[in-house]
Amino acid sequence: MNKALLQAGERIDQLFSTDVKIIQNKEVFSYSIDSVLLSRFPKLPPKGLIVDLCSGNGAVGLFASTQTKAKITLIEIQGRLADMARRSIALNQLEGQVEMVHDDLKHLLDYVPRSQVDLILCNPPYFKIEQQPNLKASEHYVLARHEITTNLEEICAVSRHALKSNGRLAMVHRPDRFLEIIDTMKAYNLAPKRIQFIHPKANKDANMLLIEAIKDGSLEGLKILPPLVVHQADGNYTAEIEEIYFGKS
């Protein structure tokens, strides 16, 4: 059955802490630790509606599905990645909970009701369009990593219209855009509430951040969570990351 779902160059990877299986292709797109951490960062609503913007091959939404009974809508502009996500949904028998929409996220309100979404998850393109892309990367990776088809402002604008009052936007991004992220969220009435910086090792600068904002929330009460360190000095995962990937031992 699994082989029938795979196309040339594809493989199935598993996040063992959830038993979720994801169809991947290293030449097209593969999820990485940012997707895993994002799916674990916010408190998921037990029911209602969750949207995963810039969903790629569906990893974030599929990982989140094991922690909630909420309906989950994935939206992805690249057809190849949307197709991989659809097949991963079938592989995990989640058709009753998770749906994939192949479209530009600016059309999100064609698929979900305005002001009715409980939580939006987003692993967006990190780099501005003027930043030189890796010319060796595939077109799929270039689009996933650079703000060619969407950008931070559009993501916040769409989120403002889709979220219910006190609904939340959770995003993973790069620390060098931290101030811009804060300013853009505030401009669209999204109040940042929780921030966590991710460090590759304890003695290294942060290379990712997780941020959660509330629609119509007060600008007071921002929490900076303890930093999350990915690797020990010897290169092995820290205990926190081991638990996220493999569950409690």
C-alpha atoms as a PDB file:
ATOM      1  CA  MET A   1       0.000   0.000   0.000  1.00  0.00           C
ATOM      2  CA  ASN A   2       2.774   2.421   0.937  1.00  0.00           C
ATOM      3  CA  LYS A   3       4.630   1.789  -2.309  1.00  0.00           C
ATOM      4  CA  ALA A   4       1.506   2.553  -4.312  1.00  0.00           C
ATOM      5  CA  LEU A   5       1.372   6.013  -2.715  1.00  0.00           C
ATOM      6  CA  LEU A   6       4.951   6.911  -3.636  1.00  0.00           C
ATOM      7  CA  GLN A   7       6.257   8.513  -6.804  1.00  0.00           C
ATOM      8  CA  ALA A   8       9.812   8.473  -8.153  1.00  0.00           C
ATOM      9  CA  GLY A   9      12.373   9.766  -5.656  1.00  0.00           C
ATOM     10  CA  GLU A  10       9.962   9.770  -2.721  1.00  0.00           C
ATOM     11  CA  ARG A  11      10.305   8.131   0.680  1.00  0.00           C
ATOM     12  CA  ILE A  12       8.238   7.879   3.844  1.00  0.00           C
ATOM     13  CA  ASP A  13       9.602   9.405   7.055  1.00  0.00           C
ATOM     14  CA  GLN A  14       8.030   9.029  10.474  1.00  0.00           C
ATOM     15  CA  LEU A  15       7.914  11.259  13.543  1.00  0.00           C
ATOM     16  CA  PHE A  16       8.065   8.491  16.113  1.00  0.00           C
ATOM     17  CA  SER A  17       6.561  10.525  18.966  1.00  0.00           C
ATOM     18  CA  THR A  18       3.301  10.701  16.992  1.00  0.00           C
ATOM     19  CA  ASP A  19       3.455   7.734  14.561  1.00  0.00           C
ATOM     20  CA  VAL A  20       2.646  10.186  11.773  1.00  0.00           C
ATOM     21  CA  LYS A  21       4.184   9.286   8.415  1.00  0.00           C
ATOM     22  CA  ILE A  22       5.119  11.960   5.861  1.00  0.00           C
ATOM     23  CA  ILE A  23       5.889  11.497   2.172  1.00  0.00           C
ATOM     24  CA  GLN A  24       9.156  13.286   1.388  1.00  0.00           C
ATOM     25  CA  ASN A  25      11.387  13.923  -1.595  1.00  0.00           C
ATOM     26  CA  LYS A  26      14.840  15.421  -0.977  1.00  0.00           C
ATOM     27  CA  GLU A  27      14.880  16.866  -4.500  1.00  0.00           C
ATOM     28  CA  VAL A  28      11.539  18.607  -3.990  1.00  0.00           C
ATOM     29  CA  PHE A  29      10.890  19.262  -0.304  1.00  0.00           C
ATOM     30  CA  SER A  30      11.535  17.669   3.085  1.00  0.00           C
ATOM     31  CA  TYR A  31      10.374  18.917   6.449  1.00  0.00           C
ATOM     32  CA  SER A  32      12.995  19.783   9.049  1.00  0.00           C
ATOM     33  CA  ILE A  33      13.095  20.563  12.753  1.00  0.00           C
ATOM     34  CA  ASP A  34      11.361  23.925  12.323  1.00  0.00           C
ATOM     35  CA  SER A  35       8.170  22.150  11.217  1.00  0.00           C
ATOM     36  CA  VAL A  36       8.327  19.719  14.136  1.00  0.00           C
ATOM     37  CA  LEU A  37       8.898  22.462  16.709  1.00  0.00           C
ATOM     38  CA  LEU A  38       6.117  24.638  15.296  1.00  0.00           C
ATOM     39  CA  SER A  39       3.608  21.789  15.562  1.00  0.00           C
ATOM     40  CA  ARG A  40       4.477  21.452  19.271  1.00  0.00           C
ATOM     41  CA  PHE A  41       4.728  25.146  20.204  1.00  0.00           C
ATOM     42  CA  PRO A  42       1.148  26.411  20.652  1.00  0.00           C
ATOM     43  CA  LYS A  43      -1.521  24.837  22.802  1.00  0.00           C
ATOM     44  CA  LEU A  44      -3.848  23.322  20.250  1.00  0.00           C
ATOM     45  CA  PRO A  45      -7.591  23.837  20.569  1.00  0.00           C
ATOM     46  CA  PRO A  46      -9.309  20.526  21.406  1.00  0.00           C
ATOM     47  CA  LYS A  47     -11.867  21.147  18.669  1.00  0.00           C
ATOM     48  CA  GLY A  48     -12.764  23.851  16.154  1.00  0.00           C
ATOM     49  CA  LEU A  49     -10.684  24.816  13.129  1.00  0.00           C
ATOM     50  CA  ILE A  50      -6.918  25.004  12.566  1.00  0.00           C
ATOM     51  CA  VAL A  51      -5.261  26.304   9.389  1.00  0.00           C
ATOM     52  CA  ASP A  52      -1.703  25.527   8.292  1.00  0.00           C
ATOM     53  CA  LEU A  53      -0.476  28.242   5.907  1.00  0.00           C
ATOM     54  CA  CYS A  54       2.505  27.590   3.594  1.00  0.00           C
ATOM     55  CA  SER A  55       1.962  23.940   4.456  1.00  0.00           C
ATOM     56  CA  GLY A  56       4.441  22.403   2.000  1.00  0.00           C
ATOM     57  CA  ASN A  57       4.084  18.636   2.158  1.00  0.00           C
ATOM     58  CA  GLY A  58       1.714  18.944   5.121  1.00  0.00           C
ATOM     59  CA  ALA A  59       4.109  18.063   7.933  1.00  0.00           C
ATOM     60  CA  VAL A  60       3.079  20.744  10.455  1.00  0.00           C
ATOM     61  CA  GLY A  61      -0.650  20.129  10.168  1.00  0.00           C
ATOM     62  CA  LEU A  62      -0.270  16.361  10.143  1.00  0.00           C
ATOM     63  CA  PHE A  63       1.948  16.396  13.238  1.00  0.00           C
ATOM     64  CA  ALA A  64      -0.577  18.651  14.978  1.00  0.00           C
ATOM     65  CA  SER A  65      -3.482  16.345  14.099  1.00  0.00           C
ATOM     66  CA  THR A  66      -2.504  13.791  16.739  1.00  0.00           C
ATOM     67  CA  GLN A  67      -3.015  16.323  19.556  1.00  0.00           C
ATOM     68  CA  THR A  68      -6.507  17.597  18.716  1.00  0.00           C
ATOM     69  CA  LYS A  69      -9.881  16.681  17.272  1.00  0.00           C
ATOM     70  CA  ALA A  70     -10.075  20.035  15.464  1.00  0.00           C
ATOM     71  CA  LYS A  71     -10.518  20.098  11.709  1.00  0.00           C
ATOM     72  CA  ILE A  72      -7.269  21.074   9.989  1.00  0.00           C
ATOM     73  CA  THR A  73      -7.039  22.843   6.631  1.00  0.00           C
ATOM     74  CA  LEU A  74      -3.668  22.878   4.887  1.00  0.00           C
ATOM     75  CA  ILE A  75      -3.062  25.434   2.129  1.00  0.00           C
ATOM     76  CA  GLU A  76      -0.136  25.247  -0.298  1.00  0.00           C
ATOM     77  CA  ILE A  77       0.466  27.040  -3.589  1.00  0.00           C
ATOM     78  CA  GLN A  78       2.837  24.454  -5.117  1.00  0.00           C
ATOM     79  CA  GLY A  79       0.950  21.632  -6.791  1.00  0.00           C
ATOM     80  CA  ARG A  80       3.663  19.011  -6.328  1.00  0.00           C
ATOM     81  CA  LEU A  81       3.829  19.625  -2.585  1.00  0.00           C
ATOM     82  CA  ALA A  82       0.036  19.745  -2.238  1.00  0.00           C
ATOM     83  CA  ASP A  83      -0.167  16.361  -3.956  1.00  0.00           C
ATOM     84  CA  MET A  84       2.425  14.896  -1.568  1.00  0.00           C
ATOM     85  CA  ALA A  85       0.394  16.219   1.365  1.00  0.00           C
ATOM     86  CA  ARG A  86      -2.825  14.695   0.041  1.00  0.00           C
ATOM     87  CA  ARG A  87      -1.156  11.316  -0.210  1.00  0.00           C
ATOM     88  CA  SER A  88       0.267  11.673   3.311  1.00  0.00           C
ATOM     89  CA  ILE A  89      -3.231  12.448   4.587  1.00  0.00           C
ATOM     90  CA  ALA A  90      -4.423   9.203   2.969  1.00  0.00           C
ATOM     91  CA  LEU A  91      -1.394   7.292   4.275  1.00  0.00           C
ATOM     92  CA  ASN A  92      -2.300   8.291   7.835  1.00  0.00           C
ATOM     93  CA  GLN A  93      -6.052   7.759   7.254  1.00  0.00           C
ATOM     94  CA  LEU A  94      -6.785  11.341   8.291  1.00  0.00           C
ATOM     95  CA  GLU A  95      -9.188  12.259   5.490  1.00  0.00           C
ATOM     96  CA  GLY A  96     -11.946  12.887   8.033  1.00  0.00           C
ATOM     97  CA  GLN A  97      -9.901  15.477   9.924  1.00  0.00           C
ATOM     98  CA  VAL A  98      -7.359  17.034   7.546  1.00  0.00           C
ATOM     99  CA  GLU A  99      -7.915  18.545   4.104  1.00  0.00           C
ATOM    100  CA  MET A 100      -5.415  19.957   1.616  1.00  0.00           C
ATOM    101  CA  VAL A 101      -6.196  23.064  -0.412  1.00  0.00           C
ATOM    102  CA  HIS A 102      -4.006  23.723  -3.446  1.00  0.00           C
ATOM    103  CA  ASP A 103      -4.211  27.494  -3.824  1.00  0.00           C
ATOM    104  CA  ASP A 104      -2.578  30.804  -2.969  1.00  0.00           C
ATOM    105  CA  LEU A 105      -3.036  31.597   0.713  1.00  0.00           C
ATOM    106  CA  LYS A 106      -4.470  35.002  -0.200  1.00  0.00           C
ATOM    107  CA  HIS A 107      -7.594  33.035  -1.213  1.00  0.00           C
ATOM    108  CA  LEU A 108      -7.897  31.337   2.186  1.00  0.00           C
ATOM    109  CA  LEU A 109     -11.335  32.822   2.873  1.00  0.00           C
ATOM    110  CA  ASP A 110     -12.684  30.951  -0.145  1.00  0.00           C
ATOM    111  CA  TYR A 111     -12.185  27.771   1.905  1.00  0.00           C
ATOM    112  CA  VAL A 112     -12.688  28.709   5.557  1.00  0.00           C
ATOM    113  CA  PRO A 113     -15.236  31.067   7.164  1.00  0.00           C
ATOM    114  CA  ARG A 114     -14.099  34.593   7.995  1.00  0.00           C
ATOM    115  CA  SER A 115     -13.309  35.199  11.671  1.00  0.00           C
ATOM    116  CA  GLN A 116     -13.932  31.548  12.596  1.00  0.00           C
ATOM    117  CA  VAL A 117     -10.431  30.001  12.702  1.00  0.00           C
ATOM    118  CA  ASP A 118      -9.123  29.102  16.169  1.00  0.00           C
ATOM    119  CA  LEU A 119      -5.435  28.713  15.325  1.00  0.00           C
ATOM    120  CA  ILE A 120      -3.219  29.426  12.335  1.00  0.00           C
ATOM    121  CA  LEU A 121       0.137  27.676  12.038  1.00  0.00           C
ATOM    122  CA  CYS A 122       2.697  29.010   9.584  1.00  0.00           C
ATOM    123  CA  ASN A 123       6.204  27.986   8.571  1.00  0.00           C
ATOM    124  CA  PRO A 124       6.668  30.760   6.006  1.00  0.00           C
ATOM    125  CA  PRO A 125       9.406  31.643   3.536  1.00  0.00           C
ATOM    126  CA  TYR A 126      12.188  33.123   5.685  1.00  0.00           C
ATOM    127  CA  PHE A 127      14.122  35.192   3.166  1.00  0.00           C
ATOM    128  CA  LYS A 128      13.173  38.393   1.418  1.00  0.00           C
ATOM    129  CA  ILE A 129      12.950  38.263  -2.349  1.00  0.00           C
ATOM    130  CA  GLU A 130      16.037  40.428  -2.826  1.00  0.00           C
ATOM    131  CA  GLN A 131      18.203  37.978  -0.881  1.00  0.00           C
ATOM    132  CA  GLN A 132      20.161  35.807  -3.302  1.00  0.00           C
ATOM    133  CA  PRO A 133      18.620  32.337  -3.489  1.00  0.00           C
ATOM    134  CA  ASN A 134      20.726  29.189  -3.531  1.00  0.00           C
ATOM    135  CA  LEU A 135      21.024  28.647  -7.274  1.00  0.00           C
ATOM    136  CA  LYS A 136      21.633  24.930  -6.737  1.00  0.00           C
ATOM    137  CA  ALA A 137      18.339  24.482  -4.910  1.00  0.00           C
ATOM    138  CA  SER A 138      15.278  23.224  -6.748  1.00  0.00           C
ATOM    139  CA  GLU A 139      12.510  25.617  -7.752  1.00  0.00           C
ATOM    140  CA  HIS A 140      10.362  24.085  -4.999  1.00  0.00           C
ATOM    141  CA  TYR A 141      12.940  24.933  -2.323  1.00  0.00           C
ATOM    142  CA  VAL A 142      13.483  28.451  -3.670  1.00  0.00           C
ATOM    143  CA  LEU A 143       9.744  29.150  -3.492  1.00  0.00           C
ATOM    144  CA  ALA A 144       9.487  27.621  -0.020  1.00  0.00           C
ATOM    145  CA  ARG A 145      12.395  29.653   1.362  1.00  0.00           C
ATOM    146  CA  HIS A 146      12.008  33.062  -0.323  1.00  0.00           C
ATOM    147  CA  GLU A 147       9.138  35.544  -0.227  1.00  0.00           C
ATOM    148  CA  ILE A 148       8.279  35.131  -3.895  1.00  0.00           C
ATOM    149  CA  THR A 149       4.643  34.017  -3.701  1.00  0.00           C
ATOM    150  CA  THR A 150       3.841  35.471  -0.250  1.00  0.00           C
ATOM    151  CA  ASN A 151       5.455  37.497   2.509  1.00  0.00           C
ATOM    152  CA  LEU A 152       5.203  38.300   6.195  1.00  0.00           C
ATOM    153  CA  GLU A 153       2.739  41.157   5.721  1.00  0.00           C
ATOM    154  CA  GLU A 154       0.359  39.090   3.591  1.00  0.00           C
ATOM    155  CA  ILE A 155       0.435  36.229   6.090  1.00  0.00           C
ATOM    156  CA  CYS A 156      -0.489  38.586   8.943  1.00  0.00           C
ATOM    157  CA  ALA A 157      -3.217  40.255   6.861  1.00  0.00           C
ATOM    158  CA  VAL A 158      -4.818  36.924   5.921  1.00  0.00           C
ATOM    159  CA  SER A 159      -4.549  35.725   9.519  1.00  0.00           C
ATOM    160  CA  ARG A 160      -6.298  38.810  10.847  1.00  0.00           C
ATOM    161  CA  HIS A 161      -9.298  38.183   8.579  1.00  0.00           C
ATOM    162  CA  ALA A 162      -9.488  34.427   9.172  1.00  0.00           C
ATOM    163  CA  LEU A 163      -8.945  34.253  12.937  1.00  0.00           C
ATOM    164  CA  LYS A 164     -11.758  34.651  15.422  1.00  0.00           C
ATOM    165  CA  SER A 165     -11.306  37.243  18.158  1.00  0.00           C
ATOM    166  CA  ASN A 166      -8.700  35.834  20.560  1.00  0.00           C
ATOM    167  CA  GLY A 167      -7.709  33.277  17.919  1.00  0.00           C
ATOM    168  CA  ARG A 168      -3.982  32.713  17.634  1.00  0.00           C
ATOM    169  CA  LEU A 169      -1.254  32.792  14.990  1.00  0.00           C
ATOM    170  CA  ALA A 170       1.822  30.640  15.691  1.00  0.00           C
ATOM    171  CA  MET A 171       4.832  31.033  13.434  1.00  0.00           C
ATOM    172  CA  VAL A 172       8.429  29.858  13.150  1.00  0.00           C
ATOM    173  CA  HIS A 173      10.883  32.326  11.637  1.00  0.00           C
ATOM    174  CA  ARG A 174      14.412  33.716  11.768  1.00  0.00           C
ATOM    175  CA  PRO A 175      15.693  35.849  14.671  1.00  0.00           C
ATOM    176  CA  ASP A 176      17.185  38.457  12.331  1.00  0.00           C
ATOM    177  CA  ARG A 177      13.625  39.440  11.387  1.00  0.00           C
ATOM    178  CA  PHE A 178      12.355  39.525  14.958  1.00  0.00           C
ATOM    179  CA  LEU A 179      11.621  43.252  15.148  1.00  0.00           C
ATOM    180  CA  GLU A 180       9.948  43.220  11.731  1.00  0.00           C
ATOM    181  CA  ILE A 181       7.768  40.293  12.793  1.00  0.00           C
ATOM    182  CA  ILE A 182       6.670  42.111  15.959  1.00  0.00           C
ATOM    183  CA  ASP A 183       5.896  45.327  14.078  1.00  0.00           C
ATOM    184  CA  THR A 184       3.973  43.547  11.314  1.00  0.00           C
ATOM    185  CA  MET A 185       1.899  41.534  13.740  1.00  0.00           C
ATOM    186  CA  LYS A 186       0.988  44.651  15.706  1.00  0.00           C
ATOM    187  CA  ALA A 187       0.031  46.471  12.488  1.00  0.00           C
ATOM    188  CA  TYR A 188      -2.560  43.755  11.816  1.00  0.00           C
ATOM    189  CA  ASN A 189      -3.979  43.691  15.348  1.00  0.00           C
ATOM    190  CA  LEU A 190      -2.106  40.540  16.314  1.00  0.00           C
ATOM    191  CA  ALA A 191      -0.595  40.926  19.783  1.00  0.00           C
ATOM    192  CA  PRO A 192       2.589  38.854  20.344  1.00  0.00           C
ATOM    193  CA  LYS A 193       2.212  36.819  23.540  1.00  0.00           C
ATOM    194  CA  ARG A 194       4.809  34.005  23.571  1.00  0.00           C
ATOM    195  CA  ILE A 195       8.295  33.872  22.075  1.00  0.00           C
ATOM    196  CA  GLN A 196      10.936  31.165  22.244  1.00  0.00           C
ATOM    197  CA  PHE A 197      14.397  31.289  20.686  1.00  0.00           C
ATOM    198  CA  ILE A 198      15.928  28.082  19.301  1.00  0.00           C
ATOM    199  CA  HIS A 199      19.695  27.550  19.533  1.00  0.00           C
ATOM    200  CA  PRO A 200      21.590  24.845  17.597  1.00  0.00           C
ATOM    201  CA  LYS A 201      23.905  24.454  20.638  1.00  0.00           C
ATOM    202  CA  ALA A 202      24.068  26.149  24.018  1.00  0.00           C
ATOM    203  CA  ASN A 203      27.026  28.314  23.008  1.00  0.00           C
ATOM    204  CA  LYS A 204      25.619  29.286  19.597  1.00  0.00           C
ATOM    205  CA  ASP A 205      23.410  32.193  18.614  1.00  0.00           C
ATOM    206  CA  ALA A 206      19.728  31.466  18.074  1.00  0.00           C
ATOM    207  CA  ASN A 207      18.941  30.479  14.481  1.00  0.00           C
ATOM    208  CA  MET A 208      15.140  30.142  14.811  1.00  0.00           C
ATOM    209  CA  LEU A 209      12.344  31.689  16.799  1.00  0.00           C
ATOM    210  CA  LEU A 210       8.841  30.565  17.610  1.00  0.00           C
ATOM    211  CA  ILE A 211       6.242  33.264  18.149  1.00  0.00           C
ATOM    212  CA  GLU A 212       2.550  33.169  19.028  1.00  0.00           C
ATOM    213  CA  ALA A 213       0.195  36.144  18.741  1.00  0.00           C
ATOM    214  CA  ILE A 214      -3.465  36.683  19.671  1.00  0.00           C
ATOM    215  CA  LYS A 215      -5.946  38.557  17.504  1.00  0.00           C
ATOM    216  CA  ASP A 216      -7.438  41.556  19.308  1.00  0.00           C
ATOM    217  CA  GLY A 217      -5.236  40.839  22.322  1.00  0.00           C
ATOM    218  CA  SER A 218      -3.660  43.325  24.698  1.00  0.00           C
ATOM    219  CA  LEU A 219      -0.082  44.326  23.957  1.00  0.00           C
ATOM    220  CA  GLU A 220       0.732  43.643  27.599  1.00  0.00           C
ATOM    221  CA  GLY A 221       1.755  40.254  28.940  1.00  0.00           C
ATOM    222  CA  LEU A 222       4.420  39.169  26.434  1.00  0.00           C
ATOM    223  CA  LYS A 223       6.352  36.102  27.679  1.00  0.00           C
ATOM    224  CA  ILE A 224       9.866  35.182  26.587  1.00  0.00           C
ATOM    225  CA  LEU A 225      10.139  31.447  27.199  1.00  0.00           C
ATOM    226  CA  PRO A 226      13.375  29.689  28.194  1.00  0.00           C
ATOM    227  CA  PRO A 227      15.598  29.039  25.156  1.00  0.00           C
ATOM    228  CA  LEU A 228      15.378  25.645  23.488  1.00  0.00           C
ATOM    229  CA  VAL A 229      18.724  24.037  22.636  1.00  0.00           C
ATOM    230  CA  VAL A 230      18.741  21.419  19.869  1.00  0.00           C
ATOM    231  CA  HIS A 231      22.107  19.679  20.200  1.00  0.00           C
ATOM    232  CA  GLN A 232      24.426  18.816  23.047  1.00  0.00           C
ATOM    233  CA  ALA A 233      28.143  19.587  22.748  1.00  0.00           C
ATOM    234  CA  ASP A 234      28.748  16.094  21.325  1.00  0.00           C
ATOM    235  CA  GLY A 235      26.171  16.645  18.568  1.00  0.00           C
ATOM    236  CA  ASN A 236      23.452  14.416  20.022  1.00  0.00           C
ATOM    237  CA  TYR A 237      19.989  15.818  20.570  1.00  0.00           C
ATOM    238  CA  THR A 238      19.219  17.355  23.938  1.00  0.00           C
ATOM    239  CA  ALA A 239      16.687  15.613  26.155  1.00  0.00           C
ATOM    240  CA  GLU A 240      13.982  18.133  25.154  1.00  0.00           C
ATOM    241  CA  ILE A 241      14.457  17.456  21.443  1.00  0.00           C
ATOM    242  CA  GLU A 242      14.703  13.703  21.970  1.00  0.00           C
ATOM    243  CA  GLU A 243      11.305  13.784  23.654  1.00  0.00           C
ATOM    244  CA  ILE A 244       9.784  15.850  20.843  1.00  0.00           C
ATOM    245  CA  TYR A 245      11.072  13.467  18.174  1.00  0.00           C
ATOM    246  CA  PHE A 246      10.774  10.119  19.911  1.00  0.00           C
ATOM    247  CA  GLY A 247       8.415  10.634  22.853  1.00  0.00           C
ATOM    248  CA  LYS A 248       9.113  10.063  26.527  1.00  0.00           C
ATOM    249  CA  SER A 249      11.526   7.205  27.154  1.00  0.00           C
END
